[in-house]
Amino acid sequence: MKFDPRNNKFTAIFTREMLEATLPSVLLICLALFFAYKFIDPAPPRNIVIATGEADLNYNAFAAIYGVYLQKEGITLERRKTSGDNENLRLLKDPESDVDIAFIQDGVAHSEGAGSLLSLGSLYYQPVWIFCRCKDSTTHLSALKGKRIAIGYAGDGTHSLVSTLLNESGIGASNTKLVEIGGEEAATALRQGKLDAALFVDVANSGMIHEMVTDKRLHLLSLDTAEAFSRKFAFMHHLVLPEGAMDLARNIPGHDVHLVAPTATLVVKESMHPALAYLMMKVIAEVHGGPSLFNTKGEFPSAKDTDFPLSTQALNFYKSGLPIIDKYLPFWAATFVNRTLIVILPLLALLIPLTKIIPMVYVWLVKRKLFRYYGELRFLDTQLQEIKSAEDVQQCLDTLNDIEAKVVNVKLPVPFSQYAYELRAHIELVRSKLNHHKFQTT
């Protein structure tokens, strides 16, 4: 008869014993997977809403650039126009609002409060440009007292910042006509002589600012108190616009101009998905990392001078850059790998010891089938000294034959057959002793 391993019940035995050995481990792994699933972050959403501001061309322009970068990663950036920084801040604080991120001018949160919002960092300087129809010798804001001054639209960051500067210089609604207009509207009114001065918060490469700087009817005020303002208010920086920086050929301006400037900050809700926060860090580093008139390459984005605590992702970014996975993989691939690792790493901590324990348990379960017969054989062997008659010998032989029959009927996987043969060899040894004893008694 030819041996066929398929007919020796090996598969059934193997399955039964292996199930007994692995079932507790499988249950433990399932429990670990359950907890990992409960605590792992869900997949990041594919849509982000950013609050910009109706009149702020820079916020809208940068949001459009962000949208191009994010679209490449499969993320849609929806722009939400608002009345300005104050509304941006309120929308972020509102738990019912769908706004996820917003541009906030540094300093605005001093009056509104930061709440639970987090910052991804400062993005760029926002210089305060003070233009007036006045003498070139004017170097102090107090000289504008009693004039008609445009201070920006109510609710935007320009209005809040300019109000602070004027109040500190002794200018208020009680002694000066403050007009709540800004942007092109204020610039046009100033050129037409409807205003005596106007304050703007804008970047140096703004077309509007360049036109006003080169307009001979207007004077760009250089603040002698710029350093004093920067010392008193932590969110203000003392910047210097070098002579000729706006137009070298015509040497505009004709001298260094001292300015004050807050920074624009990108603020997010505390609930923002970590993967999206890292993606936004990657985007703003690409967009704002280059040099400009007032900053060197790599100066922005920056962790400095923000009214809001930095998010965990921003802290990690400024400390050691992007995670390696996010550097070299597309966004969704990196997200998948990160989420998978969160599950796999705890499982590995379980699987490594289990790979050693399960085989040991399995071997013990298989051998356990023979252990009881070793006990019976051992007991029978100790009884040989008590044999006093042929009947006792026959009784012991019958017991031994019964043990052997049970061993023969034990089904073991083929790799463990040696243990059954070893036991049968020991049975044969005891039988030999009995036969010898029997010979002595006859």
Protein backbone atom coordinates (compact mmCIF):
# COMPACT_ATOMS: atom_id res chain seq x y z
CA MET A 1 0.00 0.00 0.00
CA LYS A 2 1.45 3.30 -1.09
CA PHE A 3 1.72 6.11 1.44
CA ASP A 4 -0.47 9.10 0.61
CA PRO A 5 -0.06 12.10 2.93
CA ARG A 6 -3.47 13.36 1.83
CA ASN A 7 -5.15 10.38 3.47
CA ASN A 8 -3.36 10.43 6.82
CA LYS A 9 -5.55 13.14 8.29
CA PHE A 10 -2.52 15.39 8.44
CA THR A 11 -4.44 18.40 7.21
CA ALA A 12 -7.24 18.00 9.74
CA ILE A 13 -4.83 17.45 12.61
CA PHE A 14 -2.62 20.32 11.56
CA THR A 15 -5.62 22.64 11.26
CA ARG A 16 -7.06 21.67 14.63
CA GLU A 17 -3.82 21.98 16.57
CA MET A 18 -2.74 25.12 14.76
CA LEU A 19 -6.13 26.69 15.43
CA GLU A 20 -5.75 26.00 19.14
CA ALA A 21 -2.26 27.50 19.09
CA THR A 22 -3.07 30.59 17.02
CA LEU A 23 -6.62 31.48 18.07
CA PRO A 24 -5.60 33.51 21.17
CA SER A 25 -3.00 35.34 19.09
CA VAL A 26 -5.51 36.06 16.33
CA LEU A 27 -7.95 37.46 18.88
CA LEU A 28 -5.18 39.62 20.34
CA ILE A 29 -4.26 40.94 16.88
CA CYS A 30 -7.92 41.67 16.10
CA LEU A 31 -8.19 43.59 19.37
CA ALA A 32 -5.07 45.58 18.48
CA LEU A 33 -6.50 46.32 15.02
CA PHE A 34 -9.75 47.49 16.59
CA PHE A 35 -8.00 49.97 18.87
CA ALA A 36 -5.73 51.12 16.04
CA TYR A 37 -8.80 51.73 13.87
CA LYS A 38 -10.50 53.66 16.67
CA PHE A 39 -7.56 55.96 17.27
CA ILE A 40 -6.10 56.34 13.77
CA ASP A 41 -6.91 59.59 11.99
CA PRO A 42 -9.47 59.24 9.21
CA ALA A 43 -8.39 59.82 5.64
CA PRO A 44 -7.90 63.54 4.95
CA PRO A 45 -10.71 65.39 3.17
CA ARG A 46 -10.22 66.40 -0.45
CA ASN A 47 -11.54 69.92 0.03
CA ILE A 48 -10.16 72.88 2.01
CA VAL A 49 -11.90 76.21 2.53
CA ILE A 50 -9.70 79.29 2.98
CA ALA A 51 -10.92 82.73 4.10
CA THR A 52 -9.16 85.54 2.24
CA GLY A 53 -10.85 88.94 2.27
CA GLU A 54 -12.80 90.87 -0.33
CA ALA A 55 -10.41 93.78 -0.87
CA ASP A 56 -7.06 92.17 -0.07
CA LEU A 57 -5.48 91.40 -3.42
CA ASN A 58 -2.47 89.69 -1.84
CA TYR A 59 -4.53 87.23 0.19
CA ASN A 60 -6.59 86.34 -2.87
CA ALA A 61 -3.52 86.07 -5.11
CA PHE A 62 -1.66 83.78 -2.72
CA ALA A 63 -4.79 81.67 -2.18
CA ALA A 64 -5.01 81.19 -5.95
CA ILE A 65 -1.37 80.06 -6.04
CA TYR A 66 -1.98 77.65 -3.16
CA GLY A 67 -4.92 76.25 -5.11
CA VAL A 68 -2.70 75.41 -8.08
CA TYR A 69 -0.22 73.51 -5.88
CA LEU A 70 -2.98 71.70 -3.99
CA GLN A 71 -4.78 70.72 -7.17
CA LYS A 72 -1.69 68.79 -8.24
CA GLU A 73 -2.09 66.72 -5.06
CA GLY A 74 -5.79 66.09 -5.63
CA ILE A 75 -6.98 68.70 -3.12
CA THR A 76 -9.47 71.43 -4.02
CA LEU A 77 -8.99 74.81 -2.33
CA GLU A 78 -12.19 76.83 -2.09
CA ARG A 79 -11.72 80.56 -1.52
CA ARG A 80 -14.16 82.32 0.80
CA LYS A 81 -14.14 86.11 0.44
CA THR A 82 -14.78 88.07 3.63
CA SER A 83 -14.74 91.64 4.88
CA GLY A 84 -11.20 91.19 6.17
CA ASP A 85 -8.97 89.77 8.88
CA ASN A 86 -11.46 90.21 11.71
CA GLU A 87 -14.13 88.21 9.91
CA ASN A 88 -11.52 85.61 8.93
CA LEU A 89 -10.72 85.18 12.60
CA ARG A 90 -14.36 84.93 13.62
CA LEU A 91 -15.08 82.32 10.93
CA LEU A 92 -12.20 80.16 12.13
CA LYS A 93 -13.45 80.36 15.70
CA ASP A 94 -17.02 79.49 14.72
CA PRO A 95 -17.50 75.70 15.12
CA GLU A 96 -20.38 75.85 12.62
CA SER A 97 -18.22 77.47 9.93
CA ASP A 98 -16.72 75.33 7.17
CA VAL A 99 -13.64 77.57 6.91
CA ASP A 100 -10.50 75.52 7.59
CA ILE A 101 -7.69 78.05 7.18
CA ALA A 102 -7.39 81.81 6.84
CA PHE A 103 -4.94 84.63 6.39
CA ILE A 104 -4.67 86.71 9.56
CA GLN A 105 -2.54 89.80 9.93
CA ASP A 106 -0.27 89.51 12.94
CA GLY A 107 -1.60 91.69 15.73
CA VAL A 108 -5.30 91.26 14.94
CA ALA A 109 -5.66 88.51 17.55
CA HIS A 110 -4.46 90.91 20.26
CA SER A 111 -7.93 92.44 20.29
CA GLU A 112 -9.99 89.45 19.16
CA GLY A 113 -8.18 86.66 21.06
CA ALA A 114 -6.61 83.52 19.60
CA GLY A 115 -9.00 80.94 21.05
CA SER A 116 -8.02 77.36 20.16
CA LEU A 117 -6.68 78.29 16.74
CA LEU A 118 -3.21 77.26 15.59
CA SER A 119 -0.65 78.83 13.29
CA LEU A 120 1.33 77.32 10.43
CA GLY A 121 3.71 80.28 10.62
CA SER A 122 4.33 83.79 9.31
CA LEU A 123 4.35 84.09 5.51
CA TYR A 124 5.68 87.52 4.55
CA TYR A 125 6.03 91.10 5.76
CA GLN A 126 3.11 93.50 5.31
CA PRO A 127 4.68 96.98 5.39
CA VAL A 128 2.60 99.99 6.34
CA TRP A 129 2.93 102.58 3.56
CA ILE A 130 2.06 106.12 4.60
CA PHE A 131 1.43 108.50 1.70
CA CYS A 132 0.52 112.13 2.16
CA ARG A 133 0.13 115.34 0.27
CA CYS A 134 2.63 117.02 2.55
CA LYS A 135 6.17 118.28 2.79
CA ASP A 136 9.06 115.87 2.30
CA SER A 137 10.31 116.78 5.76
CA THR A 138 7.34 115.08 7.43
CA THR A 139 8.66 112.09 9.39
CA HIS A 140 6.14 111.67 12.21
CA LEU A 141 2.53 110.55 12.19
CA SER A 142 1.57 113.31 14.62
CA ALA A 143 2.13 115.80 11.78
CA LEU A 144 -1.04 114.41 10.15
CA LYS A 145 -3.27 115.48 13.04
CA GLY A 146 -6.31 117.38 11.78
CA LYS A 147 -5.94 116.03 8.24
CA ARG A 148 -8.24 113.80 6.18
CA ILE A 149 -6.78 110.30 6.51
CA ALA A 150 -7.86 107.01 4.90
CA ILE A 151 -7.45 104.21 7.45
CA GLY A 152 -8.74 101.16 5.55
CA TYR A 153 -12.09 99.44 5.46
CA ALA A 154 -13.76 98.62 8.76
CA GLY A 155 -13.10 95.02 9.75
CA ASP A 156 -9.88 94.45 7.85
CA GLY A 157 -6.37 94.17 9.26
CA THR A 158 -5.30 97.52 7.83
CA HIS A 159 -8.00 99.33 9.79
CA SER A 160 -6.98 97.68 13.08
CA LEU A 161 -3.25 98.27 12.59
CA VAL A 162 -3.57 101.86 11.34
CA SER A 163 -5.88 102.73 14.22
CA THR A 164 -3.23 101.50 16.64
CA LEU A 165 -0.48 103.54 14.97
CA LEU A 166 -2.57 106.71 14.89
CA ASN A 167 -3.79 106.35 18.47
CA GLU A 168 -0.22 105.94 19.68
CA SER A 169 0.66 109.13 17.78
CA GLY A 170 -2.14 111.15 19.38
CA ILE A 171 -4.50 111.02 16.41
CA GLY A 172 -8.14 110.01 16.77
CA ALA A 173 -11.63 110.72 15.53
CA SER A 174 -11.89 113.65 17.93
CA ASN A 175 -9.12 115.67 16.27
CA THR A 176 -8.83 114.19 12.78
CA LYS A 177 -11.17 113.13 9.98
CA LEU A 178 -10.67 109.38 9.65
CA VAL A 179 -12.11 107.94 6.44
CA GLU A 180 -12.83 104.20 6.35
CA ILE A 181 -11.75 103.41 2.81
CA GLY A 182 -8.72 101.58 1.49
CA GLY A 183 -7.04 100.04 -1.53
CA GLU A 184 -7.53 101.61 -4.94
CA GLU A 185 -10.43 103.68 -3.64
CA ALA A 186 -8.21 105.41 -1.10
CA ALA A 187 -5.35 105.78 -3.61
CA THR A 188 -7.63 107.46 -6.14
CA ALA A 189 -9.11 109.81 -3.53
CA LEU A 190 -5.61 110.80 -2.41
CA ARG A 191 -4.48 111.56 -5.96
CA GLN A 192 -7.61 113.62 -6.55
CA GLY A 193 -6.97 115.69 -3.44
CA LYS A 194 -10.02 114.37 -1.58
CA LEU A 195 -7.68 113.07 1.12
CA ASP A 196 -4.58 114.49 2.76
CA ALA A 197 -3.07 111.12 3.66
CA ALA A 198 -3.71 107.41 3.34
CA LEU A 199 -2.18 104.39 5.02
CA PHE A 200 -1.93 101.06 3.21
CA VAL A 201 -0.78 97.60 4.27
CA ASP A 202 0.64 95.97 1.17
CA VAL A 203 3.64 94.11 -0.25
CA ALA A 204 6.51 95.98 -1.91
CA ASN A 205 5.86 94.60 -5.39
CA SER A 206 2.26 95.81 -5.43
CA GLY A 207 1.42 97.73 -8.61
CA MET A 208 -0.63 100.24 -6.63
CA ILE A 209 2.23 100.96 -4.22
CA HIS A 210 4.71 101.34 -7.08
CA GLU A 211 2.45 103.87 -8.82
CA MET A 212 2.05 105.90 -5.65
CA VAL A 213 5.77 105.87 -4.82
CA THR A 214 6.57 107.23 -8.28
CA ASP A 215 3.80 109.87 -8.14
CA LYS A 216 5.56 113.20 -7.58
CA ARG A 217 2.43 114.69 -6.00
CA LEU A 218 2.68 112.26 -3.10
CA HIS A 219 5.23 111.87 -0.34
CA LEU A 220 6.12 108.47 1.17
CA LEU A 221 6.53 109.18 4.85
CA SER A 222 9.63 107.71 6.54
CA LEU A 223 8.85 107.01 10.18
CA ASP A 224 11.47 108.23 12.62
CA THR A 225 9.55 106.29 15.26
CA ALA A 226 9.60 102.96 13.39
CA GLU A 227 12.05 101.43 15.84
CA ALA A 228 10.03 102.70 18.79
CA PHE A 229 6.88 101.09 17.39
CA SER A 230 8.69 97.76 16.90
CA ARG A 231 9.92 97.84 20.49
CA LYS A 232 6.49 98.59 21.91
CA PHE A 233 4.53 96.12 19.79
CA ALA A 234 6.06 92.67 19.38
CA PHE A 235 4.14 91.99 16.16
CA MET A 236 5.64 95.04 14.40
CA HIS A 237 8.98 94.97 12.60
CA HIS A 238 11.21 97.88 11.69
CA LEU A 239 11.96 97.64 7.96
CA VAL A 240 14.11 99.86 5.77
CA LEU A 241 13.24 100.50 2.14
CA PRO A 242 16.67 101.26 0.61
CA GLU A 243 17.30 104.31 -1.53
CA GLY A 244 16.52 103.53 -5.17
CA ALA A 245 14.84 100.19 -4.31
CA MET A 246 11.64 100.95 -6.24
CA ASP A 247 13.34 102.43 -9.32
CA LEU A 248 17.14 102.44 -9.57
CA ALA A 249 17.19 104.44 -12.81
CA ARG A 250 15.23 107.32 -11.27
CA ASN A 251 16.55 106.69 -7.73
CA ILE A 252 13.13 106.21 -6.17
CA PRO A 253 12.91 106.65 -3.27
CA GLY A 254 15.65 109.28 -3.01
CA HIS A 255 16.60 108.17 0.50
CA ASP A 256 16.15 105.24 2.89
CA VAL A 257 12.56 104.99 4.11
CA HIS A 258 11.81 103.57 7.55
CA LEU A 259 8.63 101.52 7.76
CA VAL A 260 6.83 99.30 10.25
CA ALA A 261 5.38 95.97 9.24
CA PRO A 262 3.47 93.09 10.78
CA THR A 263 3.54 89.70 9.10
CA ALA A 264 0.75 87.76 7.44
CA THR A 265 0.04 84.50 9.24
CA LEU A 266 -1.69 81.35 8.02
CA VAL A 267 -4.02 80.20 10.78
CA VAL A 268 -5.88 76.87 10.94
CA LYS A 269 -8.50 75.22 13.07
CA GLU A 270 -7.26 72.86 15.76
CA SER A 271 -9.21 70.06 14.04
CA MET A 272 -7.33 70.32 10.74
CA HIS A 273 -6.14 66.90 9.54
CA PRO A 274 -2.39 66.43 10.25
CA ALA A 275 -1.72 65.25 6.70
CA LEU A 276 -3.29 68.42 5.28
CA ALA A 277 -1.31 70.54 7.73
CA TYR A 278 1.95 68.98 6.49
CA LEU A 279 0.80 69.48 2.90
CA MET A 280 0.10 73.16 3.57
CA MET A 281 3.55 73.52 5.16
CA LYS A 282 5.05 72.08 1.99
CA VAL A 283 3.02 74.49 -0.17
CA ILE A 284 3.78 77.68 1.78
CA ALA A 285 7.48 76.77 1.86
CA GLU A 286 7.40 76.59 -1.95
CA VAL A 287 5.43 79.82 -2.35
CA HIS A 288 7.02 82.03 0.31
CA GLY A 289 10.52 80.57 0.61
CA GLY A 290 12.17 82.86 -1.94
CA PRO A 291 13.86 86.26 -1.39
CA SER A 292 12.12 89.62 -1.72
CA LEU A 293 12.83 93.28 -1.08
CA PHE A 294 12.47 92.89 2.68
CA ASN A 295 13.47 89.29 3.36
CA THR A 296 16.20 86.83 2.45
CA LYS A 297 15.75 83.40 0.91
CA GLY A 298 14.45 80.89 3.45
CA GLU A 299 13.41 83.55 5.96
CA PHE A 300 9.76 82.65 5.38
CA PRO A 301 7.67 80.79 6.26
CA SER A 302 8.74 81.42 9.82
CA ALA A 303 7.81 80.43 13.35
CA LYS A 304 8.50 83.93 14.64
CA ASP A 305 6.08 86.64 15.65
CA THR A 306 2.76 84.86 15.56
CA ASP A 307 -0.19 85.54 17.87
CA PHE A 308 -1.16 81.88 17.76
CA PRO A 309 0.58 78.76 19.05
CA LEU A 310 2.16 76.70 16.30
CA SER A 311 0.50 73.44 15.31
CA THR A 312 2.39 70.21 16.02
CA GLN A 313 3.05 69.79 12.31
CA ALA A 314 4.42 73.33 12.01
CA LEU A 315 6.69 72.81 15.03
CA ASN A 316 8.07 69.62 13.50
CA PHE A 317 8.53 71.33 10.13
CA TYR A 318 10.50 74.28 11.53
CA LYS A 319 12.57 71.94 13.68
CA SER A 320 13.47 69.23 11.17
CA GLY A 321 11.62 69.86 7.91
CA LEU A 322 9.04 67.62 6.28
CA PRO A 323 8.85 63.93 7.23
CA ILE A 324 10.92 61.78 4.86
CA ILE A 325 7.83 60.08 3.44
CA ASP A 326 6.20 63.43 2.60
CA LYS A 327 9.37 64.62 0.89
CA TYR A 328 9.60 61.84 -1.66
CA LEU A 329 6.06 60.52 -2.15
CA PRO A 330 2.96 62.16 -3.63
CA PHE A 331 0.51 63.39 -1.02
CA TRP A 332 -2.00 60.54 -1.18
CA ALA A 333 0.72 57.89 -1.31
CA ALA A 334 2.43 59.45 1.71
CA THR A 335 -0.88 59.64 3.55
CA PHE A 336 -1.60 55.96 2.84
CA VAL A 337 1.86 54.91 4.03
CA ASN A 338 1.61 57.01 7.20
CA ARG A 339 -1.82 55.65 8.11
CA THR A 340 -0.71 52.09 7.34
CA LEU A 341 2.38 52.43 9.52
CA ILE A 342 0.23 53.53 12.44
CA VAL A 343 -1.50 50.14 12.22
CA ILE A 344 1.48 48.00 11.25
CA LEU A 345 3.98 49.17 13.87
CA PRO A 346 1.85 48.10 16.88
CA LEU A 347 1.11 44.81 15.12
CA LEU A 348 4.80 44.19 14.59
CA ALA A 349 5.33 44.69 18.31
CA LEU A 350 2.86 41.83 18.83
CA LEU A 351 3.84 39.62 15.92
CA ILE A 352 7.57 39.44 16.68
CA PRO A 353 7.12 37.68 20.05
CA LEU A 354 4.12 35.73 18.74
CA THR A 355 6.22 34.18 15.96
CA LYS A 356 8.30 32.57 18.70
CA ILE A 357 5.46 31.68 21.04
CA ILE A 358 2.99 30.14 18.55
CA PRO A 359 5.35 27.36 17.30
CA MET A 360 6.22 26.45 20.90
CA VAL A 361 2.54 26.27 21.84
CA TYR A 362 1.76 24.23 18.73
CA VAL A 363 4.51 21.68 19.47
CA TRP A 364 3.33 21.40 23.07
CA LEU A 365 -0.28 20.82 21.97
CA VAL A 366 0.80 18.01 19.61
CA LYS A 367 3.07 16.33 22.16
CA ARG A 368 0.39 16.63 24.82
CA LYS A 369 -1.52 13.81 23.10
CA LEU A 370 1.26 11.37 24.03
CA PHE A 371 2.16 12.76 27.45
CA ARG A 372 -0.65 10.92 29.28
CA TYR A 373 0.47 7.56 27.87
CA TYR A 374 4.00 8.22 29.05
CA GLY A 375 2.46 8.65 32.51
CA GLU A 376 0.60 5.34 32.28
CA LEU A 377 3.71 3.57 30.97
CA ARG A 378 5.82 5.03 33.75
CA PHE A 379 3.33 3.84 36.37
CA LEU A 380 3.25 0.35 34.84
CA ASP A 381 7.05 0.20 34.82
CA THR A 382 7.12 0.94 38.56
CA GLN A 383 4.66 -1.91 39.19
CA LEU A 384 6.98 -4.58 37.77
CA GLN A 385 8.56 -5.00 41.17
CA GLU A 386 5.17 -5.99 42.60
CA ILE A 387 4.58 -8.90 40.20
CA LYS A 388 4.29 -12.21 42.07
CA SER A 389 2.50 -14.55 39.68
CA ALA A 390 1.89 -15.36 36.04
CA GLU A 391 -1.53 -13.78 36.35
CA ASP A 392 0.08 -10.49 37.37
CA VAL A 393 2.37 -10.66 34.35
CA GLN A 394 -0.55 -11.27 32.01
CA GLN A 395 -2.51 -8.43 33.56
CA CYS A 396 0.43 -6.07 33.01
CA LEU A 397 0.80 -7.27 29.42
CA ASP A 398 -2.87 -6.61 28.80
CA THR A 399 -2.48 -3.09 30.20
CA LEU A 400 0.59 -2.54 28.07
CA ASN A 401 -1.20 -3.76 24.95
CA ASP A 402 -4.04 -1.40 25.73
CA ILE A 403 -1.62 1.54 26.03
CA GLU A 404 0.00 0.57 22.74
CA ALA A 405 -3.37 0.36 21.00
CA LYS A 406 -4.21 3.85 22.19
CA VAL A 407 -0.85 5.18 20.97
CA VAL A 408 -1.35 3.58 17.56
CA ASN A 409 -4.72 5.35 17.25
CA VAL A 410 -3.25 8.78 18.07
CA LYS A 411 -3.18 10.82 14.88
CA LEU A 412 -0.16 13.09 14.59
CA PRO A 413 1.15 15.31 11.80
CA VAL A 414 3.85 13.50 9.82
CA PRO A 415 6.68 15.72 11.16
CA PHE A 416 5.76 14.62 14.70
CA SER A 417 5.51 10.87 14.02
CA GLN A 418 8.90 10.29 15.62
CA TYR A 419 7.42 11.04 19.05
CA ALA A 420 4.87 8.23 18.62
CA TYR A 421 7.58 5.80 17.51
CA GLU A 422 9.73 6.77 20.47
CA LEU A 423 6.83 6.04 22.81
CA ARG A 424 6.18 2.67 21.13
CA ALA A 425 9.88 1.85 21.50
CA HIS A 426 9.58 2.54 25.21
CA ILE A 427 6.47 0.35 25.32
CA GLU A 428 8.46 -2.43 23.67
CA LEU A 429 11.18 -2.00 26.28
CA VAL A 430 8.66 -2.49 29.10
CA ARG A 431 7.18 -5.50 27.24
CA SER A 432 10.66 -7.02 27.07
CA LYS A 433 10.99 -6.61 30.82
CA LEU A 434 7.63 -8.29 31.33
CA ASN A 435 8.52 -11.19 29.05
CA HIS A 436 11.78 -11.64 30.91
CA HIS A 437 9.90 -11.54 34.19
CA LYS A 438 7.44 -14.05 32.85
CA PHE A 439 10.26 -16.40 31.87
CA GLN A 440 11.61 -16.24 35.43
CA THR A 441 8.31 -17.17 36.95
CA THR A 442 7.63 -20.22 34.77
